[in-house]
Amino acid sequence: MWDILSALIPPAVVATVFCTFIYKLLRREMAPRTSDGRLVSEAEAASGANSTSVETGGTGHEGTDTDGASKPSMPAAGEVPEDETGTERP
């Protein structure tokens, strides 16, 4: 009986490691994601970082649209906007 059990232990260990790997892979790949592809937990952590700016007087929503996407910053009145190369436009 012990010889049969000792023969089954290595395949059982390999099968357990394989199943554990597949479980972790599926958990990572099937995790809920936001519309831009980030994990929901990462997005919540980023929004938690924005909540600290509320405590310091910011709104926590600078540079974002209502749906959370970033928007380009507008130049202040009287400033000349720059193009992508960093030079001023005439």
PDB file of N, CA and C in Angstrom:
ATOM      1  N   MET A   1       0.826  -1.190   0.000  1.00  0.00           N
ATOM      2  CA  MET A   1       0.000   0.000   0.000  1.00  0.00           C
ATOM      3  C   MET A   1       0.871   1.255   0.000  1.00  0.00           C
ATOM      4  N   TRP A   2       1.956   1.260   0.793  1.00  0.00           N
ATOM      5  CA  TRP A   2       2.810   2.450   0.872  1.00  0.00           C
ATOM      6  C   TRP A   2       3.533   2.700  -0.450  1.00  0.00           C
ATOM      7  N   ASP A   3       3.832   1.654  -1.192  1.00  0.00           N
ATOM      8  CA  ASP A   3       4.497   1.842  -2.476  1.00  0.00           C
ATOM      9  C   ASP A   3       3.563   2.513  -3.496  1.00  0.00           C
ATOM     10  N   ILE A   4       2.265   2.209  -3.419  1.00  0.00           N
ATOM     11  CA  ILE A   4       1.293   2.854  -4.303  1.00  0.00           C
ATOM     12  C   ILE A   4       1.131   4.327  -3.918  1.00  0.00           C
ATOM     13  N   LEU A   5       1.055   4.577  -2.605  1.00  0.00           N
ATOM     14  CA  LEU A   5       0.919   5.952  -2.124  1.00  0.00           C
ATOM     15  C   LEU A   5       2.147   6.785  -2.484  1.00  0.00           C
ATOM     16  N   SER A   6       3.340   6.217  -2.327  1.00  0.00           N
ATOM     17  CA  SER A   6       4.559   6.958  -2.662  1.00  0.00           C
ATOM     18  C   SER A   6       4.666   7.208  -4.166  1.00  0.00           C
ATOM     19  N   ALA A   7       4.073   6.371  -4.975  1.00  0.00           N
ATOM     20  CA  ALA A   7       4.080   6.580  -6.416  1.00  0.00           C
ATOM     21  C   ALA A   7       3.089   7.660  -6.836  1.00  0.00           C
ATOM     22  N   LEU A   8       2.040   7.867  -6.039  1.00  0.00           N
ATOM     23  CA  LEU A   8       1.027   8.870  -6.382  1.00  0.00           C
ATOM     24  C   LEU A   8       1.352  10.271  -5.856  1.00  0.00           C
ATOM     25  N   ILE A   9       2.282  10.403  -4.926  1.00  0.00           N
ATOM     26  CA  ILE A   9       2.585  11.706  -4.341  1.00  0.00           C
ATOM     27  C   ILE A   9       3.172  12.680  -5.376  1.00  0.00           C
ATOM     28  N   PRO A  10       4.180  12.334  -6.171  1.00  0.00           N
ATOM     29  CA  PRO A  10       4.708  13.311  -7.145  1.00  0.00           C
ATOM     30  C   PRO A  10       3.668  13.826  -8.155  1.00  0.00           C
ATOM     31  N   PRO A  11       2.849  12.969  -8.764  1.00  0.00           N
ATOM     32  CA  PRO A  11       1.830  13.525  -9.661  1.00  0.00           C
ATOM     33  C   PRO A  11       0.807  14.396  -8.933  1.00  0.00           C
ATOM     34  N   ALA A  12       0.501  14.056  -7.699  1.00  0.00           N
ATOM     35  CA  ALA A  12      -0.439  14.867  -6.925  1.00  0.00           C
ATOM     36  C   ALA A  12       0.139  16.253  -6.636  1.00  0.00           C
ATOM     37  N   VAL A  13       1.447  16.307  -6.338  1.00  0.00           N
ATOM     38  CA  VAL A  13       2.093  17.596  -6.092  1.00  0.00           C
ATOM     39  C   VAL A  13       2.103  18.435  -7.368  1.00  0.00           C
ATOM     40  N   VAL A  14       2.450  17.820  -8.488  1.00  0.00           N
ATOM     41  CA  VAL A  14       2.468  18.541  -9.772  1.00  0.00           C
ATOM     42  C   VAL A  14       1.071  19.039 -10.119  1.00  0.00           C
ATOM     43  N   ALA A  15       0.063  18.218  -9.931  1.00  0.00           N
ATOM     44  CA  ALA A  15      -1.311  18.623 -10.227  1.00  0.00           C
ATOM     45  C   ALA A  15      -1.750  19.769  -9.328  1.00  0.00           C
ATOM     46  N   THR A  16      -1.358  19.741  -8.059  1.00  0.00           N
ATOM     47  CA  THR A  16      -1.713  20.817  -7.129  1.00  0.00           C
ATOM     48  C   THR A  16      -1.058  22.129  -7.533  1.00  0.00           C
ATOM     49  N   VAL A  17       0.218  22.079  -7.898  1.00  0.00           N
ATOM     50  CA  VAL A  17       0.916  23.294  -8.331  1.00  0.00           C
ATOM     51  C   VAL A  17       0.289  23.830  -9.615  1.00  0.00           C
ATOM     52  N   PHE A  18      -0.023  22.946 -10.552  1.00  0.00           N
ATOM     53  CA  PHE A  18      -0.652  23.359 -11.801  1.00  0.00           C
ATOM     54  C   PHE A  18      -1.998  24.019 -11.553  1.00  0.00           C
ATOM     55  N   CYS A  19      -2.822  23.415 -10.728  1.00  0.00           N
ATOM     56  CA  CYS A  19      -4.145  23.977 -10.431  1.00  0.00           C
ATOM     57  C   CYS A  19      -4.033  25.316  -9.714  1.00  0.00           C
ATOM     58  N   THR A  20      -3.063  25.440  -8.815  1.00  0.00           N
ATOM     59  CA  THR A  20      -2.850  26.704  -8.119  1.00  0.00           C
ATOM     60  C   THR A  20      -2.439  27.795  -9.097  1.00  0.00           C
ATOM     61  N   PHE A  21      -1.556  27.468 -10.038  1.00  0.00           N
ATOM     62  CA  PHE A  21      -1.130  28.428 -11.052  1.00  0.00           C
ATOM     63  C   PHE A  21      -2.311  28.883 -11.915  1.00  0.00           C
ATOM     64  N   ILE A  22      -3.124  27.929 -12.362  1.00  0.00           N
ATOM     65  CA  ILE A  22      -4.291  28.262 -13.189  1.00  0.00           C
ATOM     66  C   ILE A  22      -5.273  29.130 -12.397  1.00  0.00           C
ATOM     67  N   TYR A  23      -5.479  28.821 -11.138  1.00  0.00           N
ATOM     68  CA  TYR A  23      -6.382  29.604 -10.287  1.00  0.00           C
ATOM     69  C   TYR A  23      -5.894  31.046 -10.174  1.00  0.00           C
ATOM     70  N   LYS A  24      -4.604  31.230  -9.892  1.00  0.00           N
ATOM     71  CA  LYS A  24      -4.062  32.587  -9.761  1.00  0.00           C
ATOM     72  C   LYS A  24      -4.113  33.336 -11.086  1.00  0.00           C
ATOM     73  N   LEU A  25      -3.815  32.652 -12.184  1.00  0.00           N
ATOM     74  CA  LEU A  25      -3.869  33.284 -13.497  1.00  0.00           C
ATOM     75  C   LEU A  25      -5.281  33.759 -13.823  1.00  0.00           C
ATOM     76  N   LEU A  26      -6.259  32.899 -13.592  1.00  0.00           N
ATOM     77  CA  LEU A  26      -7.640  33.275 -13.881  1.00  0.00           C
ATOM     78  C   LEU A  26      -8.124  34.396 -12.979  1.00  0.00           C
ATOM     79  N   ARG A  27      -7.717  34.377 -11.717  1.00  0.00           N
ATOM     80  CA  ARG A  27      -8.108  35.463 -10.812  1.00  0.00           C
ATOM     81  C   ARG A  27      -7.566  36.802 -11.291  1.00  0.00           C
ATOM     82  N   ARG A  28      -6.314  36.801 -11.772  1.00  0.00           N
ATOM     83  CA  ARG A  28      -5.694  38.040 -12.227  1.00  0.00           C
ATOM     84  C   ARG A  28      -6.318  38.501 -13.546  1.00  0.00           C
ATOM     85  N   GLU A  29      -6.554  37.603 -14.473  1.00  0.00           N
ATOM     86  CA  GLU A  29      -7.072  37.985 -15.783  1.00  0.00           C
ATOM     87  C   GLU A  29      -8.559  38.324 -15.770  1.00  0.00           C
ATOM     88  N   MET A  30      -9.310  37.733 -14.883  1.00  0.00           N
ATOM     89  CA  MET A  30     -10.749  37.965 -14.848  1.00  0.00           C
ATOM     90  C   MET A  30     -11.154  39.002 -13.813  1.00  0.00           C
ATOM     91  N   ALA A  31     -10.189  39.691 -13.230  1.00  0.00           N
ATOM     92  CA  ALA A  31     -10.500  40.712 -12.230  1.00  0.00           C
ATOM     93  C   ALA A  31     -11.274  41.849 -12.890  1.00  0.00           C
ATOM     94  N   PRO A  32     -12.188  42.478 -12.149  1.00  0.00           N
ATOM     95  CA  PRO A  32     -12.952  43.583 -12.715  1.00  0.00           C
ATOM     96  C   PRO A  32     -12.028  44.738 -13.094  1.00  0.00           C
ATOM     97  N   ARG A  33     -12.287  45.342 -14.243  1.00  0.00           N
ATOM     98  CA  ARG A  33     -11.452  46.438 -14.735  1.00  0.00           C
ATOM     99  C   ARG A  33     -12.330  47.638 -15.080  1.00  0.00           C
ATOM    100  N   THR A  34     -11.710  48.823 -15.060  1.00  0.00           N
ATOM    101  CA  THR A  34     -12.403  50.034 -15.474  1.00  0.00           C
ATOM    102  C   THR A  34     -12.410  50.097 -16.993  1.00  0.00           C
ATOM    103  N   SER A  35     -13.065  51.092 -17.557  1.00  0.00           N
ATOM    104  CA  SER A  35     -13.158  51.199 -19.015  1.00  0.00           C
ATOM    105  C   SER A  35     -11.813  51.488 -19.664  1.00  0.00           C
ATOM    106  N   ASP A  36     -10.850  52.036 -18.919  1.00  0.00           N
ATOM    107  CA  ASP A  36      -9.538  52.299 -19.509  1.00  0.00           C
ATOM    108  C   ASP A  36      -8.561  51.154 -19.286  1.00  0.00           C
ATOM    109  N   GLY A  37      -9.004  50.043 -18.732  1.00  0.00           N
ATOM    110  CA  GLY A  37      -8.180  48.853 -18.608  1.00  0.00           C
ATOM    111  C   GLY A  37      -7.484  48.673 -17.276  1.00  0.00           C
ATOM    112  N   ARG A  38      -7.574  49.660 -16.383  1.00  0.00           N
ATOM    113  CA  ARG A  38      -6.943  49.507 -15.072  1.00  0.00           C
ATOM    114  C   ARG A  38      -7.802  48.624 -14.190  1.00  0.00           C
ATOM    115  N   LEU A  39      -7.135  47.955 -13.249  1.00  0.00           N
ATOM    116  CA  LEU A  39      -7.894  47.176 -12.275  1.00  0.00           C
ATOM    117  C   LEU A  39      -8.723  48.113 -11.410  1.00  0.00           C
ATOM    118  N   VAL A  40      -9.876  47.658 -10.975  1.00  0.00           N
ATOM    119  CA  VAL A  40     -10.742  48.478 -10.138  1.00  0.00           C
ATOM    120  C   VAL A  40     -10.028  48.839  -8.839  1.00  0.00           C
ATOM    121  N   SER A  41      -9.268  47.896  -8.283  1.00  0.00           N
ATOM    122  CA  SER A  41      -8.559  48.186  -7.032  1.00  0.00           C
ATOM    123  C   SER A  41      -7.520  49.284  -7.227  1.00  0.00           C
ATOM    124  N   GLU A  42      -6.856  49.313  -8.410  1.00  0.00           N
ATOM    125  CA  GLU A  42      -5.896  50.384  -8.686  1.00  0.00           C
ATOM    126  C   GLU A  42      -6.611  51.715  -8.843  1.00  0.00           C
ATOM    127  N   ALA A  43      -7.777  51.715  -9.488  1.00  0.00           N
ATOM    128  CA  ALA A  43      -8.534  52.941  -9.674  1.00  0.00           C
ATOM    129  C   ALA A  43      -9.023  53.473  -8.332  1.00  0.00           C
ATOM    130  N   GLU A  44      -9.438  52.570  -7.439  1.00  0.00           N
ATOM    131  CA  GLU A  44      -9.878  52.999  -6.116  1.00  0.00           C
ATOM    132  C   GLU A  44      -8.713  53.560  -5.318  1.00  0.00           C
ATOM    133  N   ALA A  45      -7.530  52.960  -5.481  1.00  0.00           N
ATOM    134  CA  ALA A  45      -6.354  53.475  -4.787  1.00  0.00           C
ATOM    135  C   ALA A  45      -5.993  54.857  -5.305  1.00  0.00           C
ATOM    136  N   ALA A  46      -6.134  55.077  -6.612  1.00  0.00           N
ATOM    137  CA  ALA A  46      -5.855  56.389  -7.192  1.00  0.00           C
ATOM    138  C   ALA A  46      -6.874  57.406  -6.715  1.00  0.00           C
ATOM    139  N   SER A  47      -8.132  57.010  -6.597  1.00  0.00           N
ATOM    140  CA  SER A  47      -9.140  57.952  -6.104  1.00  0.00           C
ATOM    141  C   SER A  47      -8.930  58.220  -4.621  1.00  0.00           C
ATOM    142  N   GLY A  48      -8.364  57.247  -3.909  1.00  0.00           N
ATOM    143  CA  GLY A  48      -8.015  57.483  -2.508  1.00  0.00           C
ATOM    144  C   GLY A  48      -6.907  58.500  -2.386  1.00  0.00           C
ATOM    145  N   ALA A  49      -5.986  58.523  -3.352  1.00  0.00           N
ATOM    146  CA  ALA A  49      -4.923  59.523  -3.358  1.00  0.00           C
ATOM    147  C   ALA A  49      -5.500  60.905  -3.633  1.00  0.00           C
ATOM    148  N   ASN A  50      -6.554  60.978  -4.459  1.00  0.00           N
ATOM    149  CA  ASN A  50      -7.196  62.264  -4.727  1.00  0.00           C
ATOM    150  C   ASN A  50      -7.958  62.764  -3.514  1.00  0.00           C
ATOM    151  N   SER A  51      -8.417  61.872  -2.652  1.00  0.00           N
ATOM    152  CA  SER A  51      -9.165  62.320  -1.481  1.00  0.00           C
ATOM    153  C   SER A  51      -8.273  63.048  -0.499  1.00  0.00           C
ATOM    154  N   THR A  52      -6.969  62.825  -0.538  1.00  0.00           N
ATOM    155  CA  THR A  52      -6.066  63.569   0.332  1.00  0.00           C
ATOM    156  C   THR A  52      -5.971  65.013  -0.097  1.00  0.00           C
ATOM    157  N   SER A  53      -6.173  65.299  -1.399  1.00  0.00           N
ATOM    158  CA  SER A  53      -6.137  66.683  -1.836  1.00  0.00           C
ATOM    159  C   SER A  53      -7.370  67.433  -1.354  1.00  0.00           C
ATOM    160  N   VAL A  54      -8.460  66.725  -1.082  1.00  0.00           N
ATOM    161  CA  VAL A  54      -9.643  67.370  -0.538  1.00  0.00           C
ATOM    162  C   VAL A  54      -9.344  67.880   0.861  1.00  0.00           C
ATOM    163  N   GLU A  55      -8.600  67.094   1.607  1.00  0.00           N
ATOM    164  CA  GLU A  55      -8.253  67.517   2.963  1.00  0.00           C
ATOM    165  C   GLU A  55      -7.337  68.725   2.959  1.00  0.00           C
ATOM    166  N   THR A  56      -6.536  68.877   1.902  1.00  0.00           N
ATOM    167  CA  THR A  56      -5.622  70.016   1.838  1.00  0.00           C
ATOM    168  C   THR A  56      -6.227  71.195   1.113  1.00  0.00           C
ATOM    169  N   GLY A  57      -7.485  71.084   0.697  1.00  0.00           N
ATOM    170  CA  GLY A  57      -8.160  72.222   0.098  1.00  0.00           C
ATOM    171  C   GLY A  57      -8.453  72.057  -1.380  1.00  0.00           C
ATOM    172  N   GLY A  58      -7.937  71.028  -2.042  1.00  0.00           N
ATOM    173  CA  GLY A  58      -8.219  70.802  -3.455  1.00  0.00           C
ATOM    174  C   GLY A  58      -9.544  70.089  -3.611  1.00  0.00           C
ATOM    175  N   THR A  59     -10.016  70.041  -4.845  1.00  0.00           N
ATOM    176  CA  THR A  59     -11.278  69.348  -5.081  1.00  0.00           C
ATOM    177  C   THR A  59     -11.069  67.876  -5.344  1.00  0.00           C
ATOM    178  N   GLY A  60      -9.844  67.477  -5.687  1.00  0.00           N
ATOM    179  CA  GLY A  60      -9.575  66.081  -5.982  1.00  0.00           C
ATOM    180  C   GLY A  60      -9.951  65.686  -7.380  1.00  0.00           C
ATOM    181  N   HIS A  61     -10.481  66.655  -8.161  1.00  0.00           N
ATOM    182  CA  HIS A  61     -10.909  66.347  -9.521  1.00  0.00           C
ATOM    183  C   HIS A  61     -10.224  67.246 -10.534  1.00  0.00           C
ATOM    184  N   GLU A  62      -9.107  67.848 -10.175  1.00  0.00           N
ATOM    185  CA  GLU A  62      -8.408  68.688 -11.134  1.00  0.00           C
ATOM    186  C   GLU A  62      -7.922  67.836 -12.288  1.00  0.00           C
ATOM    187  N   GLY A  63      -8.147  68.309 -13.507  1.00  0.00           N
ATOM    188  CA  GLY A  63      -7.653  67.609 -14.677  1.00  0.00           C
ATOM    189  C   GLY A  63      -8.463  66.406 -15.088  1.00  0.00           C
ATOM    190  N   THR A  64      -9.716  66.274 -14.602  1.00  0.00           N
ATOM    191  CA  THR A  64     -10.529  65.139 -15.013  1.00  0.00           C
ATOM    192  C   THR A  64     -11.895  65.616 -15.468  1.00  0.00           C
ATOM    193  N   ASP A  65     -12.473  64.881 -16.409  1.00  0.00           N
ATOM    194  CA  ASP A  65     -13.837  65.128 -16.846  1.00  0.00           C
ATOM    195  C   ASP A  65     -14.785  64.528 -15.819  1.00  0.00           C
ATOM    196  N   THR A  66     -16.079  64.618 -16.101  1.00  0.00           N
ATOM    197  CA  THR A  66     -17.057  64.045 -15.182  1.00  0.00           C
ATOM    198  C   THR A  66     -16.979  62.532 -15.154  1.00  0.00           C
ATOM    199  N   ASP A  67     -16.480  61.904 -16.240  1.00  0.00           N
ATOM    200  CA  ASP A  67     -16.359  60.449 -16.255  1.00  0.00           C
ATOM    201  C   ASP A  67     -15.016  59.972 -15.746  1.00  0.00           C
ATOM    202  N   GLY A  68     -14.143  60.881 -15.295  1.00  0.00           N
ATOM    203  CA  GLY A  68     -12.872  60.496 -14.715  1.00  0.00           C
ATOM    204  C   GLY A  68     -11.718  60.508 -15.696  1.00  0.00           C
ATOM    205  N   ALA A  69     -11.989  60.765 -16.985  1.00  0.00           N
ATOM    206  CA  ALA A  69     -10.911  60.806 -17.972  1.00  0.00           C
ATOM    207  C   ALA A  69     -10.156  62.123 -17.846  1.00  0.00           C
ATOM    208  N   SER A  70      -8.875  62.098 -18.108  1.00  0.00           N
ATOM    209  CA  SER A  70      -8.101  63.323 -17.978  1.00  0.00           C
ATOM    210  C   SER A  70      -8.409  64.249 -19.145  1.00  0.00           C
ATOM    211  N   LYS A  71      -8.385  65.530 -18.880  1.00  0.00           N
ATOM    212  CA  LYS A  71      -8.634  66.510 -19.920  1.00  0.00           C
ATOM    213  C   LYS A  71      -7.445  67.462 -19.981  1.00  0.00           C
ATOM    214  N   PRO A  72      -7.199  68.046 -21.130  1.00  0.00           N
ATOM    215  CA  PRO A  72      -6.060  68.943 -21.240  1.00  0.00           C
ATOM    216  C   PRO A  72      -6.295  70.206 -20.424  1.00  0.00           C
ATOM    217  N   SER A  73      -5.226  70.747 -19.867  1.00  0.00           N
ATOM    218  CA  SER A  73      -5.370  71.963 -19.078  1.00  0.00           C
ATOM    219  C   SER A  73      -5.475  73.160 -20.015  1.00  0.00           C
ATOM    220  N   MET A  74      -6.269  74.115 -19.644  1.00  0.00           N
ATOM    221  CA  MET A  74      -6.471  75.313 -20.452  1.00  0.00           C
ATOM    222  C   MET A  74      -5.501  76.386 -19.978  1.00  0.00           C
ATOM    223  N   PRO A  75      -4.907  77.150 -20.905  1.00  0.00           N
ATOM    224  CA  PRO A  75      -4.003  78.218 -20.495  1.00  0.00           C
ATOM    225  C   PRO A  75      -4.791  79.345 -19.836  1.00  0.00           C
ATOM    226  N   ALA A  76      -4.135  80.042 -18.948  1.00  0.00           N
ATOM    227  CA  ALA A  76      -4.774  81.178 -18.284  1.00  0.00           C
ATOM    228  C   ALA A  76      -4.950  82.309 -19.290  1.00  0.00           C
ATOM    229  N   ALA A  77      -5.808  83.271 -18.951  1.00  0.00           N
ATOM    230  CA  ALA A  77      -6.074  84.386 -19.848  1.00  0.00           C
ATOM    231  C   ALA A  77      -4.784  85.156 -20.107  1.00  0.00           C
ATOM    232  N   GLY A  78      -4.520  85.450 -21.373  1.00  0.00           N
ATOM    233  CA  GLY A  78      -3.334  86.208 -21.740  1.00  0.00           C
ATOM    234  C   GLY A  78      -2.126  85.346 -22.043  1.00  0.00           C
ATOM    235  N   GLU A  79      -2.174  84.033 -21.769  1.00  0.00           N
ATOM    236  CA  GLU A  79      -1.046  83.157 -22.072  1.00  0.00           C
ATOM    237  C   GLU A  79      -1.172  82.614 -23.479  1.00  0.00           C
ATOM    238  N   VAL A  80      -0.034  82.408 -24.126  1.00  0.00           N
ATOM    239  CA  VAL A  80      -0.009  81.821 -25.455  1.00  0.00           C
ATOM    240  C   VAL A  80       0.136  80.315 -25.285  1.00  0.00           C
ATOM    241  N   PRO A  81      -0.792  79.520 -25.873  1.00  0.00           N
ATOM    242  CA  PRO A  81      -0.671  78.062 -25.708  1.00  0.00           C
ATOM    243  C   PRO A  81       0.544  77.527 -26.438  1.00  0.00           C
ATOM    244  N   GLU A  82       1.088  76.431 -25.914  1.00  0.00           N
ATOM    245  CA  GLU A  82       2.252  75.790 -26.525  1.00  0.00           C
ATOM    246  C   GLU A  82       1.790  74.604 -27.350  1.00  0.00           C
ATOM    247  N   ASP A  83       2.575  74.260 -28.389  1.00  0.00           N
ATOM    248  CA  ASP A  83       2.249  73.073 -29.149  1.00  0.00           C
ATOM    249  C   ASP A  83       2.954  71.873 -28.513  1.00  0.00           C
ATOM    250  N   GLU A  84       2.905  70.701 -29.165  1.00  0.00           N
ATOM    251  CA  GLU A  84       3.433  69.470 -28.594  1.00  0.00           C
ATOM    252  C   GLU A  84       4.939  69.524 -28.383  1.00  0.00           C
ATOM    253  N   THR A  85       5.657  70.348 -29.148  1.00  0.00           N
ATOM    254  CA  THR A  85       7.119  70.408 -29.009  1.00  0.00           C
ATOM    255  C   THR A  85       7.553  71.332 -27.894  1.00  0.00           C
ATOM    256  N   GLY A  86       6.631  72.048 -27.305  1.00  0.00           N
ATOM    257  CA  GLY A  86       6.967  72.926 -26.188  1.00  0.00           C
ATOM    258  C   GLY A  86       7.288  74.351 -26.610  1.00  0.00           C
ATOM    259  N   THR A  87       7.136  74.664 -27.904  1.00  0.00           N
ATOM    260  CA  THR A  87       7.382  76.026 -28.363  1.00  0.00           C
ATOM    261  C   THR A  87       6.070  76.773 -28.453  1.00  0.00           C
ATOM    262  N   GLU A  88       6.145  78.082 -28.280  1.00  0.00           N
ATOM    263  CA  GLU A  88       4.941  78.895 -28.332  1.00  0.00           C
ATOM    264  C   GLU A  88       4.467  79.054 -29.760  1.00  0.00           C
ATOM    265  N   ARG A  89       3.168  79.057 -29.929  1.00  0.00           N
ATOM    266  CA  ARG A  89       2.588  79.296 -31.246  1.00  0.00           C
ATOM    267  C   ARG A  89       2.493  80.813 -31.466  1.00  0.00           C
ATOM    268  N   PRO A  90       2.654  81.245 -32.711  1.00  0.00           N
ATOM    269  CA  PRO A  90       2.540  82.695 -32.986  1.00  0.00           C
ATOM    270  C   PRO A  90       1.124  83.194 -32.882  1.00  0.00           C
TER     271      PRO A  90
END
